[in-house]
Amino acid sequence: MAASDSDRAQRGIQSIEVGGQLLRALVHHGRPMALKDLAREADMTAAKAHPYMVSFGRLGLIEQDRTSGHYLLGPLALQLGLISLQQADPVHIATPLIGQLAQQIGHTVALAVWGARGATIVRTAESPSPVHVNMRHGTVFSLTNTASGRVFATYLDADVVRSLLEEERQRQKQRKGGEPQPPAGMPPVQPLPSWSDFERQLQEVRDHGISRSDGEVIEGVSAMAAPVFDHTGAIVLAVTAIGPAGIFDTAWDGQIARALKACADTVSQRLGASPAQAAAAGASSPRPER
């Protein structure tokens, strides 16, 4: 009887999968390892692990330090990693995850990228709840009074953020007195913060690793946003959740915050970022002028 397509698709080569455990252990450890340590991490004997390492060495996946005898990743592994990073599309990677996140937290979730006009929505996953807040593709978030805007401002270059804050200040001055009162349900336009005041807000984002907004744009609507970093430690996305304030938990360590950060961290890891790079991004982001 012929095997089905699904059976054929699920078949693999066991020896490759076994040997792959050694490569996984080497990657996870992050530094050169002795054969006995590699074998232990891969749950096999050194005698069994050695032939795999010889073959991997011939392929260029690993190499052996001549002095210590320890194994490290080789030139082919480096080439594969670089090509993988070049092909990684943050939005493509994150899109299926935000659908799962929306189901998990019960609120609408969006992806925002940094565009010419600021943080801009490029993907949305609607809330499964009948009570939800809609977000449209192409919507641009304010730099200063939205969770998404502030999370980008926290991790972008300080000079860029100062310039954008000043541009937003100039636009607000031009509009002042030329527009009618905000419609019902919209909070009055607030003066933009000084750089020192804005920096205090950004420090709060750094401290918690997430940004939040409560009724700043629309009364009764809350939001939280978490940053996604690439392999260089640069912010590339904001994962943003938004919902009615009465049922939206904005606690820094609440269920929504934890789920958002977990989702953003997963995307960051798939883009090659490490926790150390994310921490460095936060440490080098905007600081107040003295």
C-alpha atoms as a PDB file:
ATOM      1  CA  MET A   1       0.000   0.000   0.000  1.00  0.00           C
ATOM      2  CA  ALA A   2       1.431   3.366  -1.021  1.00  0.00           C
ATOM      3  CA  ALA A   3       2.298   5.812   1.736  1.00  0.00           C
ATOM      4  CA  SER A   4       0.155   8.928   1.969  1.00  0.00           C
ATOM      5  CA  ASP A   5       1.530  12.429   1.320  1.00  0.00           C
ATOM      6  CA  SER A   6       1.320  13.223   5.030  1.00  0.00           C
ATOM      7  CA  ASP A   7       3.334  10.107   5.908  1.00  0.00           C
ATOM      8  CA  ARG A   8       6.028  11.040   3.402  1.00  0.00           C
ATOM      9  CA  ALA A   9       6.109  14.634   4.678  1.00  0.00           C
ATOM     10  CA  GLN A  10       6.643  13.448   8.257  1.00  0.00           C
ATOM     11  CA  ARG A  11       9.489  11.070   7.485  1.00  0.00           C
ATOM     12  CA  GLY A  12      12.990  12.195   8.338  1.00  0.00           C
ATOM     13  CA  ILE A  13      16.497  10.846   8.737  1.00  0.00           C
ATOM     14  CA  GLN A  14      16.994   9.867  12.325  1.00  0.00           C
ATOM     15  CA  SER A  15      20.779  10.157  12.277  1.00  0.00           C
ATOM     16  CA  ILE A  16      20.544  13.786  11.146  1.00  0.00           C
ATOM     17  CA  GLU A  17      18.096  14.552  13.941  1.00  0.00           C
ATOM     18  CA  VAL A  18      20.363  12.862  16.482  1.00  0.00           C
ATOM     19  CA  GLY A  19      23.391  14.780  15.262  1.00  0.00           C
ATOM     20  CA  GLY A  20      21.370  17.969  15.276  1.00  0.00           C
ATOM     21  CA  GLN A  21      21.130  17.691  19.052  1.00  0.00           C
ATOM     22  CA  LEU A  22      24.883  18.305  19.211  1.00  0.00           C
ATOM     23  CA  LEU A  23      24.604  21.450  17.086  1.00  0.00           C
ATOM     24  CA  ARG A  24      21.681  22.644  19.189  1.00  0.00           C
ATOM     25  CA  ALA A  25      23.702  22.121  22.369  1.00  0.00           C
ATOM     26  CA  LEU A  26      26.626  24.076  20.913  1.00  0.00           C
ATOM     27  CA  VAL A  27      24.343  26.967  19.913  1.00  0.00           C
ATOM     28  CA  HIS A  28      22.539  26.975  23.242  1.00  0.00           C
ATOM     29  CA  HIS A  29      25.795  26.989  25.216  1.00  0.00           C
ATOM     30  CA  GLY A  30      27.114  29.964  23.271  1.00  0.00           C
ATOM     31  CA  ARG A  31      30.837  29.190  23.586  1.00  0.00           C
ATOM     32  CA  PRO A  32      33.318  26.423  22.624  1.00  0.00           C
ATOM     33  CA  MET A  33      32.668  23.103  24.336  1.00  0.00           C
ATOM     34  CA  ALA A  34      34.611  19.934  25.076  1.00  0.00           C
ATOM     35  CA  LEU A  35      33.344  16.759  23.421  1.00  0.00           C
ATOM     36  CA  LYS A  36      32.297  15.190  26.729  1.00  0.00           C
ATOM     37  CA  ASP A  37      30.234  18.265  27.613  1.00  0.00           C
ATOM     38  CA  LEU A  38      28.612  18.383  24.191  1.00  0.00           C
ATOM     39  CA  ALA A  39      27.751  14.697  24.395  1.00  0.00           C
ATOM     40  CA  ARG A  40      26.262  15.096  27.844  1.00  0.00           C
ATOM     41  CA  GLU A  41      24.094  18.024  26.725  1.00  0.00           C
ATOM     42  CA  ALA A  42      22.880  15.935  23.760  1.00  0.00           C
ATOM     43  CA  ASP A  43      22.232  12.926  26.013  1.00  0.00           C
ATOM     44  CA  MET A  44      24.707  10.594  24.305  1.00  0.00           C
ATOM     45  CA  THR A  45      28.148   9.137  24.901  1.00  0.00           C
ATOM     46  CA  ALA A  46      31.310  10.854  23.683  1.00  0.00           C
ATOM     47  CA  ALA A  47      32.067   7.815  21.511  1.00  0.00           C
ATOM     48  CA  LYS A  48      28.723   8.198  19.765  1.00  0.00           C
ATOM     49  CA  ALA A  49      29.067  11.992  19.424  1.00  0.00           C
ATOM     50  CA  HIS A  50      32.566  11.984  17.911  1.00  0.00           C
ATOM     51  CA  PRO A  51      31.707  10.663  14.395  1.00  0.00           C
ATOM     52  CA  TYR A  52      28.989  13.289  14.081  1.00  0.00           C
ATOM     53  CA  MET A  53      31.465  16.039  14.973  1.00  0.00           C
ATOM     54  CA  VAL A  54      33.936  14.708  12.387  1.00  0.00           C
ATOM     55  CA  SER A  55      31.263  14.883   9.670  1.00  0.00           C
ATOM     56  CA  PHE A  56      30.081  18.304  10.774  1.00  0.00           C
ATOM     57  CA  GLY A  57      33.699  19.484  10.641  1.00  0.00           C
ATOM     58  CA  ARG A  58      34.096  18.258   7.069  1.00  0.00           C
ATOM     59  CA  LEU A  59      30.985  20.217   6.107  1.00  0.00           C
ATOM     60  CA  GLY A  60      32.197  23.367   7.860  1.00  0.00           C
ATOM     61  CA  LEU A  61      29.348  23.387  10.380  1.00  0.00           C
ATOM     62  CA  ILE A  62      31.823  23.112  13.257  1.00  0.00           C
ATOM     63  CA  GLU A  63      35.532  23.436  13.788  1.00  0.00           C
ATOM     64  CA  GLN A  64      37.884  22.343  16.549  1.00  0.00           C
ATOM     65  CA  ASP A  65      40.277  24.581  18.424  1.00  0.00           C
ATOM     66  CA  ARG A  66      43.735  23.072  17.994  1.00  0.00           C
ATOM     67  CA  THR A  67      44.918  24.203  21.422  1.00  0.00           C
ATOM     68  CA  SER A  68      42.024  23.251  23.687  1.00  0.00           C
ATOM     69  CA  GLY A  69      40.343  20.637  21.487  1.00  0.00           C
ATOM     70  CA  HIS A  70      37.009  22.348  22.123  1.00  0.00           C
ATOM     71  CA  TYR A  71      34.410  22.567  19.376  1.00  0.00           C
ATOM     72  CA  LEU A  72      32.857  25.778  18.060  1.00  0.00           C
ATOM     73  CA  LEU A  73      30.585  26.702  15.168  1.00  0.00           C
ATOM     74  CA  GLY A  74      32.303  26.755  11.789  1.00  0.00           C
ATOM     75  CA  PRO A  75      32.203  28.981   8.691  1.00  0.00           C
ATOM     76  CA  LEU A  76      29.211  27.269   7.090  1.00  0.00           C
ATOM     77  CA  ALA A  77      27.184  27.763  10.269  1.00  0.00           C
ATOM     78  CA  LEU A  78      28.102  31.457  10.161  1.00  0.00           C
ATOM     79  CA  GLN A  79      27.044  31.741   6.517  1.00  0.00           C
ATOM     80  CA  LEU A  80      23.740  29.999   7.242  1.00  0.00           C
ATOM     81  CA  GLY A  81      23.085  32.339  10.144  1.00  0.00           C
ATOM     82  CA  LEU A  82      23.816  35.465   8.122  1.00  0.00           C
ATOM     83  CA  ILE A  83      21.586  34.350   5.245  1.00  0.00           C
ATOM     84  CA  SER A  84      18.814  33.477   7.684  1.00  0.00           C
ATOM     85  CA  LEU A  85      19.022  36.946   9.222  1.00  0.00           C
ATOM     86  CA  GLN A  86      18.889  38.572   5.777  1.00  0.00           C
ATOM     87  CA  GLN A  87      15.779  36.600   4.894  1.00  0.00           C
ATOM     88  CA  ALA A  88      14.016  37.222   8.207  1.00  0.00           C
ATOM     89  CA  ASP A  89      10.988  39.480   7.779  1.00  0.00           C
ATOM     90  CA  PRO A  90       9.796  40.784  11.187  1.00  0.00           C
ATOM     91  CA  VAL A  91       6.209  41.352  10.067  1.00  0.00           C
ATOM     92  CA  HIS A  92       6.009  37.924   8.392  1.00  0.00           C
ATOM     93  CA  ILE A  93       7.354  36.227  11.521  1.00  0.00           C
ATOM     94  CA  ALA A  94       5.109  38.131  13.919  1.00  0.00           C
ATOM     95  CA  THR A  95       1.821  37.997  11.986  1.00  0.00           C
ATOM     96  CA  PRO A  96       0.711  34.450  12.954  1.00  0.00           C
ATOM     97  CA  LEU A  97       1.722  35.080  16.571  1.00  0.00           C
ATOM     98  CA  ILE A  98      -0.518  38.128  17.037  1.00  0.00           C
ATOM     99  CA  GLY A  99      -3.561  36.098  16.020  1.00  0.00           C
ATOM    100  CA  GLN A 100      -2.797  33.655  18.819  1.00  0.00           C
ATOM    101  CA  LEU A 101      -2.118  36.546  21.202  1.00  0.00           C
ATOM    102  CA  ALA A 102      -5.466  38.207  20.436  1.00  0.00           C
ATOM    103  CA  GLN A 103      -7.238  34.948  21.260  1.00  0.00           C
ATOM    104  CA  GLN A 104      -5.203  34.553  24.449  1.00  0.00           C
ATOM    105  CA  ILE A 105      -5.792  38.022  25.929  1.00  0.00           C
ATOM    106  CA  GLY A 106      -9.209  38.721  24.390  1.00  0.00           C
ATOM    107  CA  HIS A 107      -8.221  42.073  22.866  1.00  0.00           C
ATOM    108  CA  THR A 108      -7.277  43.416  19.450  1.00  0.00           C
ATOM    109  CA  VAL A 109      -3.544  43.219  18.706  1.00  0.00           C
ATOM    110  CA  ALA A 110      -1.601  45.130  16.061  1.00  0.00           C
ATOM    111  CA  LEU A 111       1.901  45.309  14.640  1.00  0.00           C
ATOM    112  CA  ALA A 112       3.415  48.741  14.133  1.00  0.00           C
ATOM    113  CA  VAL A 113       6.586  49.566  12.210  1.00  0.00           C
ATOM    114  CA  TRP A 114       8.497  52.834  12.196  1.00  0.00           C
ATOM    115  CA  GLY A 115       7.551  54.699   9.027  1.00  0.00           C
ATOM    116  CA  ALA A 116       8.182  58.116   7.538  1.00  0.00           C
ATOM    117  CA  ARG A 117       5.483  59.669   9.733  1.00  0.00           C
ATOM    118  CA  GLY A 118       6.043  57.590  12.864  1.00  0.00           C
ATOM    119  CA  ALA A 119       4.765  54.320  14.318  1.00  0.00           C
ATOM    120  CA  THR A 120       2.377  52.902  11.716  1.00  0.00           C
ATOM    121  CA  ILE A 121      -0.014  49.922  11.888  1.00  0.00           C
ATOM    122  CA  VAL A 122       0.726  47.272   9.257  1.00  0.00           C
ATOM    123  CA  ARG A 123      -1.109  44.206  10.636  1.00  0.00           C
ATOM    124  CA  THR A 124      -4.054  43.638  12.972  1.00  0.00           C
ATOM    125  CA  ALA A 125      -5.678  40.656  14.677  1.00  0.00           C
ATOM    126  CA  GLU A 126      -9.191  41.364  15.895  1.00  0.00           C
ATOM    127  CA  SER A 127     -10.339  40.574  19.395  1.00  0.00           C
ATOM    128  CA  PRO A 128     -12.521  37.475  19.773  1.00  0.00           C
ATOM    129  CA  SER A 129     -14.692  39.460  22.192  1.00  0.00           C
ATOM    130  CA  PRO A 130     -17.845  41.185  20.938  1.00  0.00           C
ATOM    131  CA  VAL A 131     -16.611  44.288  22.791  1.00  0.00           C
ATOM    132  CA  HIS A 132     -13.430  45.457  21.115  1.00  0.00           C
ATOM    133  CA  VAL A 133     -11.640  48.440  19.639  1.00  0.00           C
ATOM    134  CA  ASN A 134     -10.854  48.488  15.930  1.00  0.00           C
ATOM    135  CA  MET A 135      -7.490  49.592  14.532  1.00  0.00           C
ATOM    136  CA  ARG A 136      -6.960  50.292  10.853  1.00  0.00           C
ATOM    137  CA  HIS A 137      -3.934  49.553   8.689  1.00  0.00           C
ATOM    138  CA  GLY A 138      -1.976  52.719   7.988  1.00  0.00           C
ATOM    139  CA  THR A 139      -2.947  54.470  11.216  1.00  0.00           C
ATOM    140  CA  VAL A 140      -0.031  56.527  12.531  1.00  0.00           C
ATOM    141  CA  PHE A 141       0.430  56.706  16.295  1.00  0.00           C
ATOM    142  CA  SER A 142       1.435  59.887  18.086  1.00  0.00           C
ATOM    143  CA  LEU A 143       5.014  59.849  19.354  1.00  0.00           C
ATOM    144  CA  THR A 144       4.169  61.220  22.783  1.00  0.00           C
ATOM    145  CA  ASN A 145       0.710  60.103  23.882  1.00  0.00           C
ATOM    146  CA  THR A 146       0.361  56.543  22.614  1.00  0.00           C
ATOM    147  CA  ALA A 147       1.863  53.307  23.902  1.00  0.00           C
ATOM    148  CA  SER A 148       3.268  52.444  20.457  1.00  0.00           C
ATOM    149  CA  GLY A 149       4.782  55.878  19.916  1.00  0.00           C
ATOM    150  CA  ARG A 150       6.496  55.871  23.286  1.00  0.00           C
ATOM    151  CA  VAL A 151       7.877  52.352  22.908  1.00  0.00           C
ATOM    152  CA  PHE A 152       9.578  53.364  19.657  1.00  0.00           C
ATOM    153  CA  ALA A 153      10.760  56.636  21.190  1.00  0.00           C
ATOM    154  CA  THR A 154      12.350  54.678  24.042  1.00  0.00           C
ATOM    155  CA  TYR A 155      14.588  52.591  21.789  1.00  0.00           C
ATOM    156  CA  LEU A 156      15.243  54.864  18.796  1.00  0.00           C
ATOM    157  CA  ASP A 157      18.291  57.094  18.563  1.00  0.00           C
ATOM    158  CA  ALA A 158      18.047  60.061  20.941  1.00  0.00           C
ATOM    159  CA  ASP A 159      18.726  62.655  18.235  1.00  0.00           C
ATOM    160  CA  VAL A 160      15.963  61.222  16.057  1.00  0.00           C
ATOM    161  CA  VAL A 161      13.477  61.341  18.931  1.00  0.00           C
ATOM    162  CA  ARG A 162      14.381  64.925  19.899  1.00  0.00           C
ATOM    163  CA  SER A 163      13.900  66.019  16.304  1.00  0.00           C
ATOM    164  CA  LEU A 164      10.534  64.270  16.029  1.00  0.00           C
ATOM    165  CA  LEU A 165       9.352  65.752  19.316  1.00  0.00           C
ATOM    166  CA  GLU A 166      10.223  69.230  18.072  1.00  0.00           C
ATOM    167  CA  GLU A 167       8.444  68.602  14.750  1.00  0.00           C
ATOM    168  CA  GLU A 168       5.337  67.466  16.625  1.00  0.00           C
ATOM    169  CA  ARG A 169       5.562  70.585  18.800  1.00  0.00           C
ATOM    170  CA  GLN A 170       5.694  72.817  15.736  1.00  0.00           C
ATOM    171  CA  ARG A 171       2.689  71.088  14.161  1.00  0.00           C
ATOM    172  CA  GLN A 172       0.719  71.529  17.357  1.00  0.00           C
ATOM    173  CA  LYS A 173       1.558  75.254  17.442  1.00  0.00           C
ATOM    174  CA  GLN A 174       0.365  75.640  13.851  1.00  0.00           C
ATOM    175  CA  ARG A 175      -2.930  73.920  14.648  1.00  0.00           C
ATOM    176  CA  LYS A 176      -3.561  75.808  17.875  1.00  0.00           C
ATOM    177  CA  GLY A 177      -6.624  77.967  17.591  1.00  0.00           C
ATOM    178  CA  GLY A 178      -7.312  76.771  14.079  1.00  0.00           C
ATOM    179  CA  GLU A 179      -9.342  73.697  14.943  1.00  0.00           C
ATOM    180  CA  PRO A 180     -12.709  73.240  16.665  1.00  0.00           C
ATOM    181  CA  GLN A 181     -13.034  71.585  20.050  1.00  0.00           C
ATOM    182  CA  PRO A 182     -12.427  67.815  20.044  1.00  0.00           C
ATOM    183  CA  PRO A 183     -15.579  65.738  19.429  1.00  0.00           C
ATOM    184  CA  ALA A 184     -17.356  63.996  22.295  1.00  0.00           C
ATOM    185  CA  GLY A 185     -15.347  61.117  23.720  1.00  0.00           C
ATOM    186  CA  MET A 186     -12.032  62.619  22.663  1.00  0.00           C
ATOM    187  CA  PRO A 187      -9.825  64.093  25.393  1.00  0.00           C
ATOM    188  CA  PRO A 188      -8.672  67.692  24.936  1.00  0.00           C
ATOM    189  CA  VAL A 189      -5.364  68.176  23.172  1.00  0.00           C
ATOM    190  CA  GLN A 190      -2.625  68.262  25.793  1.00  0.00           C
ATOM    191  CA  PRO A 191       0.555  70.343  25.485  1.00  0.00           C
ATOM    192  CA  LEU A 192       3.515  68.255  24.429  1.00  0.00           C
ATOM    193  CA  PRO A 193       5.940  67.367  27.225  1.00  0.00           C
ATOM    194  CA  SER A 194       9.340  68.963  27.585  1.00  0.00           C
ATOM    195  CA  TRP A 195      12.286  66.727  26.743  1.00  0.00           C
ATOM    196  CA  SER A 196      13.022  66.110  30.429  1.00  0.00           C
ATOM    197  CA  ASP A 197       9.381  65.210  31.142  1.00  0.00           C
ATOM    198  CA  PHE A 198       9.260  62.951  28.088  1.00  0.00           C
ATOM    199  CA  GLU A 199      12.489  61.255  29.153  1.00  0.00           C
ATOM    200  CA  ARG A 200      10.895  60.377  32.494  1.00  0.00           C
ATOM    201  CA  GLN A 201       8.081  58.659  30.598  1.00  0.00           C
ATOM    202  CA  LEU A 202      10.597  56.793  28.447  1.00  0.00           C
ATOM    203  CA  GLN A 203      12.548  55.718  31.516  1.00  0.00           C
ATOM    204  CA  GLU A 204       9.352  54.126  32.804  1.00  0.00           C
ATOM    205  CA  VAL A 205       9.141  52.134  29.567  1.00  0.00           C
ATOM    206  CA  ARG A 206      12.780  51.059  29.951  1.00  0.00           C
ATOM    207  CA  ASP A 207      12.186  50.034  33.555  1.00  0.00           C
ATOM    208  CA  HIS A 208       9.216  47.813  32.700  1.00  0.00           C
ATOM    209  CA  GLY A 209      10.121  46.736  29.164  1.00  0.00           C
ATOM    210  CA  ILE A 210       6.667  47.779  27.971  1.00  0.00           C
ATOM    211  CA  SER A 211       4.663  50.953  27.332  1.00  0.00           C
ATOM    212  CA  ARG A 212       1.085  51.740  28.295  1.00  0.00           C
ATOM    213  CA  SER A 213      -1.563  54.367  27.588  1.00  0.00           C
ATOM    214  CA  ASP A 214      -4.861  54.898  29.375  1.00  0.00           C
ATOM    215  CA  GLY A 215      -7.465  57.141  27.752  1.00  0.00           C
ATOM    216  CA  GLU A 216      -4.913  59.509  26.226  1.00  0.00           C
ATOM    217  CA  VAL A 217      -6.234  59.340  22.677  1.00  0.00           C
ATOM    218  CA  ILE A 218      -9.820  58.149  23.201  1.00  0.00           C
ATOM    219  CA  GLU A 219     -11.524  58.184  26.566  1.00  0.00           C
ATOM    220  CA  GLY A 220     -12.246  54.703  27.855  1.00  0.00           C
ATOM    221  CA  VAL A 221      -9.634  53.036  25.631  1.00  0.00           C
ATOM    222  CA  SER A 222      -6.363  51.608  26.930  1.00  0.00           C
ATOM    223  CA  ALA A 223      -3.323  50.152  25.194  1.00  0.00           C
ATOM    224  CA  MET A 224       0.013  48.502  25.884  1.00  0.00           C
ATOM    225  CA  ALA A 225       2.949  47.979  23.504  1.00  0.00           C
ATOM    226  CA  ALA A 226       6.084  45.818  23.675  1.00  0.00           C
ATOM    227  CA  PRO A 227       9.234  46.227  21.533  1.00  0.00           C
ATOM    228  CA  VAL A 228      10.664  43.706  19.074  1.00  0.00           C
ATOM    229  CA  PHE A 229      14.416  43.834  18.360  1.00  0.00           C
ATOM    230  CA  ASP A 230      16.474  42.421  15.516  1.00  0.00           C
ATOM    231  CA  HIS A 231      19.893  40.745  15.682  1.00  0.00           C
ATOM    232  CA  THR A 232      21.642  44.132  15.958  1.00  0.00           C
ATOM    233  CA  GLY A 233      19.564  45.139  18.982  1.00  0.00           C
ATOM    234  CA  ALA A 234      17.574  47.720  16.980  1.00  0.00           C
ATOM    235  CA  ILE A 235      13.816  48.038  17.485  1.00  0.00           C
ATOM    236  CA  VAL A 236      11.932  46.888  14.376  1.00  0.00           C
ATOM    237  CA  LEU A 237       8.342  46.391  15.574  1.00  0.00           C
ATOM    238  CA  ALA A 238       5.915  47.236  18.330  1.00  0.00           C
ATOM    239  CA  VAL A 239       3.368  44.592  19.330  1.00  0.00           C
ATOM    240  CA  THR A 240       0.379  46.587  20.564  1.00  0.00           C
ATOM    241  CA  ALA A 241      -2.798  45.491  22.342  1.00  0.00           C
ATOM    242  CA  ILE A 242      -5.782  47.815  22.672  1.00  0.00           C
ATOM    243  CA  GLY A 243      -9.170  47.482  24.321  1.00  0.00           C
ATOM    244  CA  PRO A 244     -11.923  49.046  26.446  1.00  0.00           C
ATOM    245  CA  ALA A 245     -10.470  50.428  29.677  1.00  0.00           C
ATOM    246  CA  GLY A 246     -13.043  48.687  31.859  1.00  0.00           C
ATOM    247  CA  ILE A 247     -11.803  45.228  30.870  1.00  0.00           C
ATOM    248  CA  PHE A 248      -8.215  45.997  29.829  1.00  0.00           C
ATOM    249  CA  ASP A 249      -5.582  45.199  32.460  1.00  0.00           C
ATOM    250  CA  THR A 250      -2.817  47.833  32.277  1.00  0.00           C
ATOM    251  CA  ALA A 251      -0.857  46.545  35.295  1.00  0.00           C
ATOM    252  CA  TRP A 252       2.867  46.441  34.539  1.00  0.00           C
ATOM    253  CA  ASP A 253       3.001  42.787  35.582  1.00  0.00           C
ATOM    254  CA  GLY A 254      -0.545  41.881  34.566  1.00  0.00           C
ATOM    255  CA  GLN A 255      -1.688  39.156  32.218  1.00  0.00           C
ATOM    256  CA  ILE A 256      -1.724  41.395  29.133  1.00  0.00           C
ATOM    257  CA  ALA A 257       1.724  42.813  29.847  1.00  0.00           C
ATOM    258  CA  ARG A 258       3.226  39.370  30.355  1.00  0.00           C
ATOM    259  CA  ALA A 259       1.605  37.961  27.216  1.00  0.00           C
ATOM    260  CA  LEU A 260       2.678  40.944  25.090  1.00  0.00           C
ATOM    261  CA  LYS A 261       6.279  40.733  26.265  1.00  0.00           C
ATOM    262  CA  ALA A 262       6.374  36.975  25.722  1.00  0.00           C
ATOM    263  CA  CYS A 263       5.114  37.415  22.146  1.00  0.00           C
ATOM    264  CA  ALA A 264       7.574  40.237  21.413  1.00  0.00           C
ATOM    265  CA  ASP A 265      10.452  38.251  22.929  1.00  0.00           C
ATOM    266  CA  THR A 266       9.602  35.245  20.752  1.00  0.00           C
ATOM    267  CA  VAL A 267       9.721  37.366  17.595  1.00  0.00           C
ATOM    268  CA  SER A 268      12.975  39.010  18.743  1.00  0.00           C
ATOM    269  CA  GLN A 269      14.577  35.616  19.318  1.00  0.00           C
ATOM    270  CA  ARG A 270      13.525  34.433  15.863  1.00  0.00           C
ATOM    271  CA  LEU A 271      15.162  37.561  14.444  1.00  0.00           C
ATOM    272  CA  GLY A 272      18.408  36.690  16.195  1.00  0.00           C
ATOM    273  CA  ALA A 273      18.206  39.143  19.101  1.00  0.00           C
ATOM    274  CA  SER A 274      19.531  38.201  22.512  1.00  0.00           C
ATOM    275  CA  PRO A 275      18.381  39.499  25.927  1.00  0.00           C
ATOM    276  CA  ALA A 276      21.757  41.243  26.270  1.00  0.00           C
ATOM    277  CA  GLN A 277      21.180  43.144  23.010  1.00  0.00           C
ATOM    278  CA  ALA A 278      17.710  44.243  24.132  1.00  0.00           C
ATOM    279  CA  ALA A 279      19.154  45.459  27.424  1.00  0.00           C
ATOM    280  CA  ALA A 280      21.878  47.342  25.568  1.00  0.00           C
ATOM    281  CA  ALA A 281      19.254  48.979  23.336  1.00  0.00           C
ATOM    282  CA  GLY A 282      17.464  50.249  26.403  1.00  0.00           C
ATOM    283  CA  ALA A 283      20.672  51.495  27.990  1.00  0.00           C
ATOM    284  CA  SER A 284      21.659  53.479  24.879  1.00  0.00           C
ATOM    285  CA  SER A 285      18.247  55.003  24.153  1.00  0.00           C
ATOM    286  CA  PRO A 286      17.348  58.673  24.784  1.00  0.00           C
ATOM    287  CA  ARG A 287      18.713  60.485  27.820  1.00  0.00           C
ATOM    288  CA  PRO A 288      17.846  63.970  29.009  1.00  0.00           C
ATOM    289  CA  GLU A 289      19.997  66.888  28.002  1.00  0.00           C
ATOM    290  CA  ARG A 290      22.101  68.290  30.799  1.00  0.00           C
END
